[in-house]
Amino acid sequence: MFENYMYWISTALLSVLYLASACIYVTKRVYVKQTQTELGYSAAHLVPFMIVVKILGPTAILLRLNVPLSDLAYAGTFYHLLLSGMAHLGVRNPKGAVPAAVGLVLLIASFVTQNDTREIPSPYAPSPTKPIHETLN
């Protein structure tokens, strides 16, 4: 029961984080382009792409219409959060890396508990019936 709550709370909070970020990208374009430029990215091409990614990623995880697509969304979100945090740390802006760190914690909690909650299990997430060390063999 605890895993069920942990899954839905972490997944919902991760989705809110991503959808809020997408809203900021849409409503505060000048601020986002300036921030992206400070991080060393070409904001003109990156911002529209990131808006789509920030909406489709959580949608694929929440709806889970296809398990491989959901696993791909988890992987993409993991790399996005990791690279986002590293970009902020690279320009010596540790405060900017806090949302990425929070997102990583939520993502890991969601990924690890998904098989306890979802009907069709992910082959990559730990199984609720097998210990992790048996899954790796």
C-alpha atoms as a PDB file:
ATOM      1  CA  MET A   1       0.000   0.000   0.000  1.00  0.00           C
ATOM      2  CA  PHE A   2       2.861   2.385   0.861  1.00  0.00           C
ATOM      3  CA  GLU A   3       4.440   1.777  -2.564  1.00  0.00           C
ATOM      4  CA  ASN A   4       1.142   2.601  -4.247  1.00  0.00           C
ATOM      5  CA  TYR A   5       0.973   5.985  -2.514  1.00  0.00           C
ATOM      6  CA  MET A   6       4.664   6.624  -3.135  1.00  0.00           C
ATOM      7  CA  TYR A   7       4.261   5.884  -6.830  1.00  0.00           C
ATOM      8  CA  TRP A   8       1.265   8.124  -7.396  1.00  0.00           C
ATOM      9  CA  ILE A   9       2.528  11.010  -5.254  1.00  0.00           C
ATOM     10  CA  SER A  10       6.016  11.011  -6.791  1.00  0.00           C
ATOM     11  CA  THR A  11       4.652  10.615 -10.326  1.00  0.00           C
ATOM     12  CA  ALA A  12       2.077  13.374  -9.816  1.00  0.00           C
ATOM     13  CA  LEU A  13       4.659  15.769  -8.344  1.00  0.00           C
ATOM     14  CA  LEU A  14       7.124  15.000 -11.143  1.00  0.00           C
ATOM     15  CA  SER A  15       4.383  15.659 -13.699  1.00  0.00           C
ATOM     16  CA  VAL A  16       3.442  18.938 -12.005  1.00  0.00           C
ATOM     17  CA  LEU A  17       7.123  19.972 -12.022  1.00  0.00           C
ATOM     18  CA  TYR A  18       7.411  19.273 -15.746  1.00  0.00           C
ATOM     19  CA  LEU A  19       4.064  20.812 -16.709  1.00  0.00           C
ATOM     20  CA  ALA A  20       4.802  23.939 -14.644  1.00  0.00           C
ATOM     21  CA  SER A  21       8.142  24.201 -16.414  1.00  0.00           C
ATOM     22  CA  ALA A  22       6.405  23.863 -19.795  1.00  0.00           C
ATOM     23  CA  CYS A  23       4.019  26.662 -18.786  1.00  0.00           C
ATOM     24  CA  ILE A  24       6.967  28.877 -17.871  1.00  0.00           C
ATOM     25  CA  TYR A  25       8.564  28.102 -21.247  1.00  0.00           C
ATOM     26  CA  VAL A  26       5.331  29.181 -22.996  1.00  0.00           C
ATOM     27  CA  THR A  27       4.456  32.263 -20.914  1.00  0.00           C
ATOM     28  CA  LYS A  28       7.906  33.693 -20.160  1.00  0.00           C
ATOM     29  CA  ARG A  29       9.728  33.159 -23.435  1.00  0.00           C
ATOM     30  CA  VAL A  30      12.150  36.074 -23.032  1.00  0.00           C
ATOM     31  CA  TYR A  31      13.243  34.931 -19.558  1.00  0.00           C
ATOM     32  CA  VAL A  32      13.645  31.327 -20.743  1.00  0.00           C
ATOM     33  CA  LYS A  33      15.687  32.343 -23.807  1.00  0.00           C
ATOM     34  CA  GLN A  34      17.916  34.524 -21.644  1.00  0.00           C
ATOM     35  CA  THR A  35      18.443  31.715 -19.132  1.00  0.00           C
ATOM     36  CA  GLN A  36      19.153  29.190 -21.883  1.00  0.00           C
ATOM     37  CA  THR A  37      21.680  31.567 -23.436  1.00  0.00           C
ATOM     38  CA  GLU A  38      23.405  32.014 -20.057  1.00  0.00           C
ATOM     39  CA  LEU A  39      23.708  28.218 -19.872  1.00  0.00           C
ATOM     40  CA  GLY A  40      25.320  28.210 -23.328  1.00  0.00           C
ATOM     41  CA  TYR A  41      22.435  26.814 -25.376  1.00  0.00           C
ATOM     42  CA  SER A  42      20.856  28.076 -28.594  1.00  0.00           C
ATOM     43  CA  ALA A  43      17.476  28.973 -27.173  1.00  0.00           C
ATOM     44  CA  ALA A  44      15.836  29.695 -30.522  1.00  0.00           C
ATOM     45  CA  HIS A  45      15.895  26.015 -31.454  1.00  0.00           C
ATOM     46  CA  LEU A  46      15.799  24.447 -28.006  1.00  0.00           C
ATOM     47  CA  VAL A  47      12.780  26.111 -26.394  1.00  0.00           C
ATOM     48  CA  PRO A  48       9.997  24.823 -28.721  1.00  0.00           C
ATOM     49  CA  PHE A  49      11.454  21.308 -28.598  1.00  0.00           C
ATOM     50  CA  MET A  50      11.648  21.371 -24.789  1.00  0.00           C
ATOM     51  CA  ILE A  51       8.020  22.524 -24.498  1.00  0.00           C
ATOM     52  CA  VAL A  52       6.924  19.417 -26.402  1.00  0.00           C
ATOM     53  CA  VAL A  53       9.234  17.126 -24.395  1.00  0.00           C
ATOM     54  CA  LYS A  54       8.075  18.565 -21.068  1.00  0.00           C
ATOM     55  CA  ILE A  55       4.465  17.791 -21.985  1.00  0.00           C
ATOM     56  CA  LEU A  56       4.852  14.415 -23.717  1.00  0.00           C
ATOM     57  CA  GLY A  57       7.261  12.859 -21.175  1.00  0.00           C
ATOM     58  CA  PRO A  58       4.984  13.039 -18.136  1.00  0.00           C
ATOM     59  CA  THR A  59       1.987  12.196 -20.322  1.00  0.00           C
ATOM     60  CA  ALA A  60       3.651   8.943 -21.456  1.00  0.00           C
ATOM     61  CA  ILE A  61       4.506   8.058 -17.858  1.00  0.00           C
ATOM     62  CA  LEU A  62       1.065   8.890 -16.463  1.00  0.00           C
ATOM     63  CA  LEU A  63      -1.051   7.286 -19.188  1.00  0.00           C
ATOM     64  CA  ARG A  64       1.293   4.337 -19.738  1.00  0.00           C
ATOM     65  CA  LEU A  65      -0.492   3.239 -22.896  1.00  0.00           C
ATOM     66  CA  ASN A  66       2.662   1.379 -23.909  1.00  0.00           C
ATOM     67  CA  VAL A  67       5.223   0.066 -21.377  1.00  0.00           C
ATOM     68  CA  PRO A  68       8.295   0.496 -23.648  1.00  0.00           C
ATOM     69  CA  LEU A  69       7.229   4.071 -24.410  1.00  0.00           C
ATOM     70  CA  SER A  70       6.785   4.743 -20.693  1.00  0.00           C
ATOM     71  CA  ASP A  71      10.253   3.307 -19.991  1.00  0.00           C
ATOM     72  CA  LEU A  72      11.678   5.505 -22.753  1.00  0.00           C
ATOM     73  CA  ALA A  73       9.990   8.531 -21.154  1.00  0.00           C
ATOM     74  CA  TYR A  74      11.576   7.613 -17.800  1.00  0.00           C
ATOM     75  CA  ALA A  75      14.997   7.359 -19.473  1.00  0.00           C
ATOM     76  CA  GLY A  76      14.590  10.637 -21.341  1.00  0.00           C
ATOM     77  CA  THR A  77      13.415  12.404 -18.205  1.00  0.00           C
ATOM     78  CA  PHE A  78      16.364  10.982 -16.264  1.00  0.00           C
ATOM     79  CA  TYR A  79      18.881  12.294 -18.796  1.00  0.00           C
ATOM     80  CA  HIS A  80      17.115  15.641 -19.091  1.00  0.00           C
ATOM     81  CA  LEU A  81      17.155  16.180 -15.318  1.00  0.00           C
ATOM     82  CA  LEU A  82      20.755  15.028 -15.024  1.00  0.00           C
ATOM     83  CA  LEU A  83      21.948  17.296 -17.829  1.00  0.00           C
ATOM     84  CA  SER A  84      19.857  20.209 -16.590  1.00  0.00           C
ATOM     85  CA  GLY A  85      21.364  19.985 -13.119  1.00  0.00           C
ATOM     86  CA  MET A  86      24.874  19.659 -14.554  1.00  0.00           C
ATOM     87  CA  ALA A  87      24.335  22.689 -16.817  1.00  0.00           C
ATOM     88  CA  HIS A  88      23.427  24.856 -13.836  1.00  0.00           C
ATOM     89  CA  LEU A  89      26.323  23.540 -11.779  1.00  0.00           C
ATOM     90  CA  GLY A  90      28.634  24.110 -14.759  1.00  0.00           C
ATOM     91  CA  VAL A  91      27.912  27.853 -14.709  1.00  0.00           C
ATOM     92  CA  ARG A  92      28.189  27.920 -10.908  1.00  0.00           C
ATOM     93  CA  ASN A  93      24.474  28.317 -10.267  1.00  0.00           C
ATOM     94  CA  PRO A  94      23.665  25.658  -7.652  1.00  0.00           C
ATOM     95  CA  LYS A  95      20.244  27.188  -6.895  1.00  0.00           C
ATOM     96  CA  GLY A  96      19.252  26.562 -10.504  1.00  0.00           C
ATOM     97  CA  ALA A  97      20.075  22.862 -10.081  1.00  0.00           C
ATOM     98  CA  VAL A  98      17.638  22.377  -7.168  1.00  0.00           C
ATOM     99  CA  PRO A  99      14.541  21.651  -9.333  1.00  0.00           C
ATOM    100  CA  ALA A 100      16.550  19.055 -11.272  1.00  0.00           C
ATOM    101  CA  ALA A 101      17.704  17.402  -8.044  1.00  0.00           C
ATOM    102  CA  VAL A 102      14.139  17.316  -6.696  1.00  0.00           C
ATOM    103  CA  GLY A 103      12.963  15.950 -10.046  1.00  0.00           C
ATOM    104  CA  LEU A 104      15.582  13.192  -9.939  1.00  0.00           C
ATOM    105  CA  VAL A 105      14.429  12.095  -6.484  1.00  0.00           C
ATOM    106  CA  LEU A 106      10.789  12.051  -7.636  1.00  0.00           C
ATOM    107  CA  LEU A 107      11.707  10.229 -10.851  1.00  0.00           C
ATOM    108  CA  ILE A 108      13.634   7.512  -9.014  1.00  0.00           C
ATOM    109  CA  ALA A 109      10.804   7.044  -6.499  1.00  0.00           C
ATOM    110  CA  SER A 110       8.273   6.781  -9.331  1.00  0.00           C
ATOM    111  CA  PHE A 111      10.379   4.376 -11.398  1.00  0.00           C
ATOM    112  CA  VAL A 112      11.232   2.057  -8.505  1.00  0.00           C
ATOM    113  CA  THR A 113       7.633   1.762  -7.306  1.00  0.00           C
ATOM    114  CA  GLN A 114       5.863   1.536 -10.683  1.00  0.00           C
ATOM    115  CA  ASN A 115       5.727  -2.287 -10.756  1.00  0.00           C
ATOM    116  CA  ASP A 116       4.032  -2.312  -7.358  1.00  0.00           C
ATOM    117  CA  THR A 117       1.195  -0.220  -8.755  1.00  0.00           C
ATOM    118  CA  ARG A 118       0.823  -0.793 -12.476  1.00  0.00           C
ATOM    119  CA  GLU A 119      -0.880  -3.867 -13.921  1.00  0.00           C
ATOM    120  CA  ILE A 120       1.675  -4.564 -16.666  1.00  0.00           C
ATOM    121  CA  PRO A 121       5.169  -4.506 -15.138  1.00  0.00           C
ATOM    122  CA  SER A 122       8.183  -2.813 -16.646  1.00  0.00           C
ATOM    123  CA  PRO A 123      10.995  -5.283 -17.333  1.00  0.00           C
ATOM    124  CA  TYR A 124      13.535  -2.675 -16.203  1.00  0.00           C
ATOM    125  CA  ALA A 125      12.044  -1.619 -12.882  1.00  0.00           C
ATOM    126  CA  PRO A 126      12.521  -3.716  -9.745  1.00  0.00           C
ATOM    127  CA  SER A 127       9.824  -6.351  -9.359  1.00  0.00           C
ATOM    128  CA  PRO A 128       7.706  -6.318  -6.195  1.00  0.00           C
ATOM    129  CA  THR A 129       8.027 -10.105  -5.920  1.00  0.00           C
ATOM    130  CA  LYS A 130      11.772 -10.424  -6.608  1.00  0.00           C
ATOM    131  CA  PRO A 131      14.629  -8.770  -4.751  1.00  0.00           C
ATOM    132  CA  ILE A 132      16.769  -6.420  -6.855  1.00  0.00           C
ATOM    133  CA  HIS A 133      19.797  -8.736  -6.814  1.00  0.00           C
ATOM    134  CA  GLU A 134      17.698 -11.492  -8.484  1.00  0.00           C
ATOM    135  CA  THR A 135      16.471  -9.069 -11.133  1.00  0.00           C
ATOM    136  CA  LEU A 136      20.049  -8.212 -12.126  1.00  0.00           C
ATOM    137  CA  ASN A 137      21.047 -11.871 -12.721  1.00  0.00           C
END
